[in-house]
C-alpha atoms as a PDB file:
ATOM      1  CA  UNK A   1     104.856  50.539 -10.165  1.00  0.00           C
ATOM      2  CA  UNK A   2     104.744  50.538 -13.964  1.00  0.00           C
ATOM      3  CA  UNK A   3     105.807  53.649 -15.816  1.00  0.00           C
ATOM      4  CA  UNK A   4     103.034  55.890 -17.113  1.00  0.00           C
ATOM      5  CA  UNK A   5     102.211  55.627 -20.800  1.00  0.00           C
ATOM      6  CA  UNK A   6     102.551  59.414 -21.084  1.00  0.00           C
ATOM      7  CA  UNK A   7     106.229  59.193 -20.051  1.00  0.00           C
ATOM      8  CA  UNK A   8     106.884  56.505 -22.666  1.00  0.00           C
ATOM      9  CA  UNK A   9     105.102  58.650 -25.291  1.00  0.00           C
ATOM     10  CA  UNK A  10     107.203  61.684 -24.397  1.00  0.00           C
ATOM     11  CA  UNK A  11     110.442  59.719 -24.900  1.00  0.00           C
ATOM     12  CA  UNK A  12     109.232  58.295 -28.217  1.00  0.00           C
ATOM     13  CA  UNK A  13     108.208  61.745 -29.460  1.00  0.00           C
ATOM     14  CA  UNK A  14     111.549  63.251 -28.426  1.00  0.00           C
ATOM     15  CA  UNK A  15     113.483  60.460 -30.165  1.00  0.00           C
ATOM     16  CA  UNK A  16     111.459  60.704 -33.383  1.00  0.00           C
ATOM     17  CA  UNK A  17     111.722  64.498 -33.520  1.00  0.00           C
ATOM     18  CA  UNK A  18     115.502  64.225 -33.029  1.00  0.00           C
ATOM     19  CA  UNK A  19     115.472  62.051 -36.176  1.00  0.00           C
ATOM     20  CA  UNK A  20     113.669  64.766 -38.134  1.00  0.00           C
ATOM     21  CA  UNK A  21     110.105  63.479 -37.890  1.00  0.00           C
ATOM     22  CA  UNK A  22     107.121  65.763 -37.300  1.00  0.00           C
ATOM     23  CA  UNK A  23     105.038  64.095 -34.580  1.00  0.00           C
ATOM     24  CA  UNK A  24     101.407  64.931 -33.779  1.00  0.00           C
ATOM     25  CA  UNK A  25      99.871  63.503 -30.610  1.00  0.00           C
ATOM     26  CA  UNK A  26      96.244  62.711 -31.452  1.00  0.00           C
ATOM     27  CA  UNK A  27      94.246  63.465 -28.316  1.00  0.00           C
ATOM     28  CA  UNK A  28      90.677  64.239 -29.321  1.00  0.00           C
ATOM     29  CA  UNK A  29      89.494  63.140 -32.745  1.00  0.00           C
ATOM     30  CA  UNK A  30      86.201  62.240 -34.364  1.00  0.00           C
ATOM     31  CA  UNK A  31      87.335  58.588 -34.334  1.00  0.00           C
ATOM     32  CA  UNK A  32      87.564  56.909 -30.941  1.00  0.00           C
ATOM     33  CA  UNK A  33      90.403  54.391 -30.737  1.00  0.00           C
ATOM     34  CA  UNK A  34      92.666  56.186 -33.226  1.00  0.00           C
ATOM     35  CA  UNK A  35      96.398  55.596 -32.529  1.00  0.00           C
ATOM     36  CA  UNK A  36      98.225  57.976 -30.199  1.00  0.00           C
ATOM     37  CA  UNK A  37     100.761  59.417 -32.640  1.00  0.00           C
ATOM     38  CA  UNK A  38     100.754  60.558 -36.259  1.00  0.00           C
ATOM     39  CA  UNK A  39     104.341  60.596 -37.514  1.00  0.00           C
ATOM     40  CA  UNK A  40     105.284  62.527 -40.676  1.00  0.00           C
ATOM     41  CA  UNK A  41     108.464  62.863 -42.745  1.00  0.00           C
ATOM     42  CA  UNK A  42     109.387  63.171 -46.420  1.00  0.00           C
ATOM     43  CA  UNK A  43     105.770  63.126 -47.588  1.00  0.00           C
ATOM     44  CA  UNK A  44     105.004  59.881 -45.746  1.00  0.00           C
ATOM     45  CA  UNK A  45     102.954  59.150 -42.647  1.00  0.00           C
ATOM     46  CA  UNK A  46     102.614  56.338 -40.148  1.00  0.00           C
ATOM     47  CA  UNK A  47     100.700  55.828 -36.936  1.00  0.00           C
ATOM     48  CA  UNK A  48     101.928  54.555 -33.574  1.00  0.00           C
ATOM     49  CA  UNK A  49      99.835  53.308 -30.674  1.00  0.00           C
ATOM     50  CA  UNK A  50     101.890  53.561 -27.484  1.00  0.00           C
ATOM     51  CA  UNK A  51     101.412  50.951 -24.766  1.00  0.00           C
ATOM     52  CA  UNK A  52     103.174  50.099 -21.547  1.00  0.00           C
ATOM     53  CA  UNK A  53     105.121  46.819 -21.562  1.00  0.00           C
ATOM     54  CA  UNK A  54     102.734  43.900 -21.187  1.00  0.00           C
ATOM     55  CA  UNK A  55      99.692  45.849 -22.394  1.00  0.00           C
ATOM     56  CA  UNK A  56      97.785  45.260 -25.631  1.00  0.00           C
ATOM     57  CA  UNK A  57      95.547  47.557 -27.662  1.00  0.00           C
ATOM     58  CA  UNK A  58      91.845  47.463 -26.856  1.00  0.00           C
ATOM     59  CA  UNK A  59      89.541  45.895 -29.486  1.00  0.00           C
ATOM     60  CA  UNK A  60      88.451  49.319 -30.804  1.00  0.00           C
ATOM     61  CA  UNK A  61      92.099  50.367 -31.138  1.00  0.00           C
ATOM     62  CA  UNK A  62      92.849  47.180 -33.105  1.00  0.00           C
ATOM     63  CA  UNK A  63      89.848  47.918 -35.323  1.00  0.00           C
ATOM     64  CA  UNK A  64      91.050  51.479 -36.042  1.00  0.00           C
ATOM     65  CA  UNK A  65      94.600  50.300 -36.771  1.00  0.00           C
ATOM     66  CA  UNK A  66      93.228  47.741 -39.231  1.00  0.00           C
ATOM     67  CA  UNK A  67      91.146  50.467 -40.911  1.00  0.00           C
ATOM     68  CA  UNK A  68      94.290  52.571 -41.340  1.00  0.00           C
ATOM     69  CA  UNK A  69      96.270  49.615 -42.676  1.00  0.00           C
ATOM     70  CA  UNK A  70      93.553  48.964 -45.274  1.00  0.00           C
ATOM     71  CA  UNK A  71      94.028  52.584 -46.376  1.00  0.00           C
ATOM     72  CA  UNK A  72      97.726  51.850 -46.948  1.00  0.00           C
ATOM     73  CA  UNK A  73      99.243  53.307 -43.771  1.00  0.00           C
ATOM     74  CA  UNK A  74     101.811  51.690 -41.535  1.00  0.00           C
ATOM     75  CA  UNK A  75     100.307  51.347 -38.088  1.00  0.00           C
ATOM     76  CA  UNK A  76     102.291  49.827 -35.213  1.00  0.00           C
ATOM     77  CA  UNK A  77     102.142  49.306 -31.466  1.00  0.00           C
ATOM     78  CA  UNK A  78     105.204  50.770 -29.727  1.00  0.00           C
ATOM     79  CA  UNK A  79     106.236  49.994 -26.164  1.00  0.00           C
ATOM     80  CA  UNK A  80     109.389  52.085 -26.201  1.00  0.00           C
END
């Protein structure tokens, strides 16, 4: 059975916070499809959509990531 996305997210958050990042898990926002994590450090921000290996973002998630990229943010899909 494939590992739950929430377990992968927890490891990513722990690793980033150990590196000094401030990580916000975006659960309920006014924008459906927004990436899972907002990652902040040194006055900069990026977004990470967490997926299990072999999974891809849904079309709305791709749309939101492209919106964020057009605004100048780094936005990536992380699988670990």
